[in-house]
Amino acid sequence: MSEMSQVIGERFGLDQTVIDKINGVLAGFASIEKAMLYGSRAKGNHRPGSDIDLAIVGSGVTQEELLEMDGELDDLLLPYTIDLCRFHEIRNPDLIGHIDRVGVVFFPDSKDG
């Protein structure tokens, strides 16, 4: 495991294998430009059972694709709740500001680029 992967895992409180599994699902959707991690895991104040909040960026991502992603992520049987939203549909200015301030690119994984 590279040093960058270890830093990502420690910061988000997620094992690299979990990150790879999630990103493996996201990679199956060509319409995704990136996925931004936000919330407690992005801020670094998460707890062991904290959920994984991901804002999906990509103007071509449909609601049907989001539901399909959600189902595929659920099928991974990870010990975390993964909350997905389409970034361009967020209407709450506070949430948009939060993602802009603390959001971290989760996909594509920096170790792959």
C-alpha atoms as a PDB file:
ATOM      1  CA  MET A   1       0.000   0.000   0.000  1.00  0.00           C
ATOM      2  CA  SER A   2       1.375   3.397  -0.934  1.00  0.00           C
ATOM      3  CA  GLU A   3       1.931   6.117   1.633  1.00  0.00           C
ATOM      4  CA  MET A   4      -0.876   8.179   0.042  1.00  0.00           C
ATOM      5  CA  SER A   5      -3.303   5.255   0.396  1.00  0.00           C
ATOM      6  CA  GLN A   6      -2.406   4.910   4.063  1.00  0.00           C
ATOM      7  CA  VAL A   7      -2.997   8.629   4.642  1.00  0.00           C
ATOM      8  CA  ILE A   8      -6.385   8.417   2.926  1.00  0.00           C
ATOM      9  CA  GLY A   9      -7.393   5.402   4.992  1.00  0.00           C
ATOM     10  CA  GLU A  10      -6.329   6.979   8.246  1.00  0.00           C
ATOM     11  CA  ARG A  11      -7.962  10.300   7.482  1.00  0.00           C
ATOM     12  CA  PHE A  12     -11.298   8.902   6.431  1.00  0.00           C
ATOM     13  CA  GLY A  13     -11.260   6.118   8.998  1.00  0.00           C
ATOM     14  CA  LEU A  14     -11.715   3.591   6.216  1.00  0.00           C
ATOM     15  CA  ASP A  15      -9.540   0.677   5.218  1.00  0.00           C
ATOM     16  CA  GLN A  16      -8.131   0.977   1.688  1.00  0.00           C
ATOM     17  CA  THR A  17     -10.009  -2.188   0.681  1.00  0.00           C
ATOM     18  CA  VAL A  18     -13.295  -0.460   1.590  1.00  0.00           C
ATOM     19  CA  ILE A  19     -12.315   2.599  -0.458  1.00  0.00           C
ATOM     20  CA  ASP A  20     -11.374   0.348  -3.383  1.00  0.00           C
ATOM     21  CA  LYS A  21     -14.695  -1.535  -3.223  1.00  0.00           C
ATOM     22  CA  ILE A  22     -16.725   1.678  -3.197  1.00  0.00           C
ATOM     23  CA  ASN A  23     -14.669   3.162  -6.020  1.00  0.00           C
ATOM     24  CA  GLY A  24     -15.037  -0.083  -7.969  1.00  0.00           C
ATOM     25  CA  VAL A  25     -18.798   0.424  -7.973  1.00  0.00           C
ATOM     26  CA  LEU A  26     -18.510   4.119  -8.882  1.00  0.00           C
ATOM     27  CA  ALA A  27     -16.119   3.310 -11.741  1.00  0.00           C
ATOM     28  CA  GLY A  28     -18.946   1.378 -13.396  1.00  0.00           C
ATOM     29  CA  PHE A  29     -20.836   4.615 -14.075  1.00  0.00           C
ATOM     30  CA  ALA A  30     -19.249   6.622 -16.889  1.00  0.00           C
ATOM     31  CA  SER A  31     -21.432   9.661 -16.140  1.00  0.00           C
ATOM     32  CA  ILE A  32     -19.659  10.272 -12.804  1.00  0.00           C
ATOM     33  CA  GLU A  33     -16.995  12.976 -13.020  1.00  0.00           C
ATOM     34  CA  LYS A  34     -16.086  12.654  -9.354  1.00  0.00           C
ATOM     35  CA  ALA A  35     -17.494  11.830  -5.948  1.00  0.00           C
ATOM     36  CA  MET A  36     -16.891  14.230  -3.075  1.00  0.00           C
ATOM     37  CA  LEU A  37     -16.681  12.884   0.465  1.00  0.00           C
ATOM     38  CA  TYR A  38     -18.156  15.294   2.999  1.00  0.00           C
ATOM     39  CA  GLY A  39     -19.400  15.218   6.568  1.00  0.00           C
ATOM     40  CA  SER A  40     -17.556  13.818   9.560  1.00  0.00           C
ATOM     41  CA  ARG A  41     -15.274  11.531   7.549  1.00  0.00           C
ATOM     42  CA  ALA A  42     -14.053  14.446   5.418  1.00  0.00           C
ATOM     43  CA  LYS A  43     -13.622  16.657   8.494  1.00  0.00           C
ATOM     44  CA  GLY A  44     -11.742  13.963  10.400  1.00  0.00           C
ATOM     45  CA  ASN A  45     -14.082  13.883  13.411  1.00  0.00           C
ATOM     46  CA  HIS A  46     -15.810  10.621  12.457  1.00  0.00           C
ATOM     47  CA  ARG A  47     -16.532   7.741  14.787  1.00  0.00           C
ATOM     48  CA  PRO A  48     -16.126   4.051  13.950  1.00  0.00           C
ATOM     49  CA  GLY A  49     -19.759   3.699  12.835  1.00  0.00           C
ATOM     50  CA  SER A  50     -20.060   7.038  11.042  1.00  0.00           C
ATOM     51  CA  ASP A  51     -21.768   6.970   7.683  1.00  0.00           C
ATOM     52  CA  ILE A  52     -20.041   7.757   4.402  1.00  0.00           C
ATOM     53  CA  ASP A  53     -21.505  10.870   2.754  1.00  0.00           C
ATOM     54  CA  LEU A  54     -20.793  11.144  -0.977  1.00  0.00           C
ATOM     55  CA  ALA A  55     -21.915  13.902  -3.330  1.00  0.00           C
ATOM     56  CA  ILE A  56     -21.855  12.582  -6.888  1.00  0.00           C
ATOM     57  CA  VAL A  57     -20.681  15.144  -9.454  1.00  0.00           C
ATOM     58  CA  GLY A  58     -21.619  14.688 -13.093  1.00  0.00           C
ATOM     59  CA  SER A  59     -24.388  16.445 -14.974  1.00  0.00           C
ATOM     60  CA  GLY A  60     -25.284  13.212 -16.774  1.00  0.00           C
ATOM     61  CA  VAL A  61     -25.950  11.205 -13.607  1.00  0.00           C
ATOM     62  CA  THR A  62     -29.629  10.291 -13.538  1.00  0.00           C
ATOM     63  CA  GLN A  63     -31.803   9.466 -10.550  1.00  0.00           C
ATOM     64  CA  GLU A  64     -32.045   5.901 -11.878  1.00  0.00           C
ATOM     65  CA  GLU A  65     -28.242   5.616 -11.915  1.00  0.00           C
ATOM     66  CA  LEU A  66     -28.069   6.971  -8.382  1.00  0.00           C
ATOM     67  CA  LEU A  67     -30.516   4.290  -7.260  1.00  0.00           C
ATOM     68  CA  GLU A  68     -28.504   1.644  -9.112  1.00  0.00           C
ATOM     69  CA  MET A  69     -25.285   2.860  -7.442  1.00  0.00           C
ATOM     70  CA  ASP A  70     -27.013   2.753  -4.077  1.00  0.00           C
ATOM     71  CA  GLY A  71     -28.117  -0.828  -4.675  1.00  0.00           C
ATOM     72  CA  GLU A  72     -24.669  -1.954  -5.819  1.00  0.00           C
ATOM     73  CA  LEU A  73     -23.025  -0.283  -2.818  1.00  0.00           C
ATOM     74  CA  ASP A  74     -25.551  -1.941  -0.513  1.00  0.00           C
ATOM     75  CA  ASP A  75     -24.699  -5.307  -2.100  1.00  0.00           C
ATOM     76  CA  LEU A  76     -21.086  -4.855  -0.922  1.00  0.00           C
ATOM     77  CA  LEU A  77     -22.374  -5.540   2.617  1.00  0.00           C
ATOM     78  CA  LEU A  78     -19.991  -2.997   4.129  1.00  0.00           C
ATOM     79  CA  PRO A  79     -20.423  -2.155   7.815  1.00  0.00           C
ATOM     80  CA  TYR A  80     -21.243   1.466   6.921  1.00  0.00           C
ATOM     81  CA  THR A  81     -24.264   3.369   5.701  1.00  0.00           C
ATOM     82  CA  ILE A  82     -23.406   5.147   2.458  1.00  0.00           C
ATOM     83  CA  ASP A  83     -25.470   8.251   1.710  1.00  0.00           C
ATOM     84  CA  LEU A  84     -25.427   9.382  -1.916  1.00  0.00           C
ATOM     85  CA  CYS A  85     -26.715  12.611  -3.422  1.00  0.00           C
ATOM     86  CA  ARG A  86     -26.358  14.300  -6.794  1.00  0.00           C
ATOM     87  CA  PHE A  87     -24.383  17.481  -6.189  1.00  0.00           C
ATOM     88  CA  HIS A  88     -26.217  19.496  -8.862  1.00  0.00           C
ATOM     89  CA  GLU A  89     -29.546  18.803  -7.126  1.00  0.00           C
ATOM     90  CA  ILE A  90     -28.538  20.107  -3.695  1.00  0.00           C
ATOM     91  CA  ARG A  91     -30.604  23.197  -2.901  1.00  0.00           C
ATOM     92  CA  ASN A  92     -29.414  23.782   0.670  1.00  0.00           C
ATOM     93  CA  PRO A  93     -26.803  26.577   0.505  1.00  0.00           C
ATOM     94  CA  ASP A  94     -25.309  25.508   3.849  1.00  0.00           C
ATOM     95  CA  LEU A  95     -24.714  21.978   2.564  1.00  0.00           C
ATOM     96  CA  ILE A  96     -23.205  23.281  -0.678  1.00  0.00           C
ATOM     97  CA  GLY A  97     -20.913  25.531   1.378  1.00  0.00           C
ATOM     98  CA  HIS A  98     -19.951  22.613   3.630  1.00  0.00           C
ATOM     99  CA  ILE A  99     -19.034  20.426   0.639  1.00  0.00           C
ATOM    100  CA  ASP A 100     -17.081  23.297  -0.947  1.00  0.00           C
ATOM    101  CA  ARG A 101     -15.172  23.873   2.321  1.00  0.00           C
ATOM    102  CA  VAL A 102     -14.465  20.376   3.613  1.00  0.00           C
ATOM    103  CA  GLY A 103     -15.304  18.090   0.698  1.00  0.00           C
ATOM    104  CA  VAL A 104     -12.516  15.801  -0.471  1.00  0.00           C
ATOM    105  CA  VAL A 105     -12.349  14.006  -3.807  1.00  0.00           C
ATOM    106  CA  PHE A 106     -13.067  10.360  -2.970  1.00  0.00           C
ATOM    107  CA  PHE A 107     -13.437   9.127  -6.558  1.00  0.00           C
ATOM    108  CA  PRO A 108     -11.408   8.871  -8.614  1.00  0.00           C
ATOM    109  CA  ASP A 109      -9.021   7.774  -5.856  1.00  0.00           C
ATOM    110  CA  SER A 110      -5.815   9.828  -5.888  1.00  0.00           C
ATOM    111  CA  LYS A 111      -3.775   6.627  -5.658  1.00  0.00           C
ATOM    112  CA  ASP A 112      -5.020   5.679  -9.130  1.00  0.00           C
ATOM    113  CA  GLY A 113      -4.052   8.942 -10.771  1.00  0.00           C
END
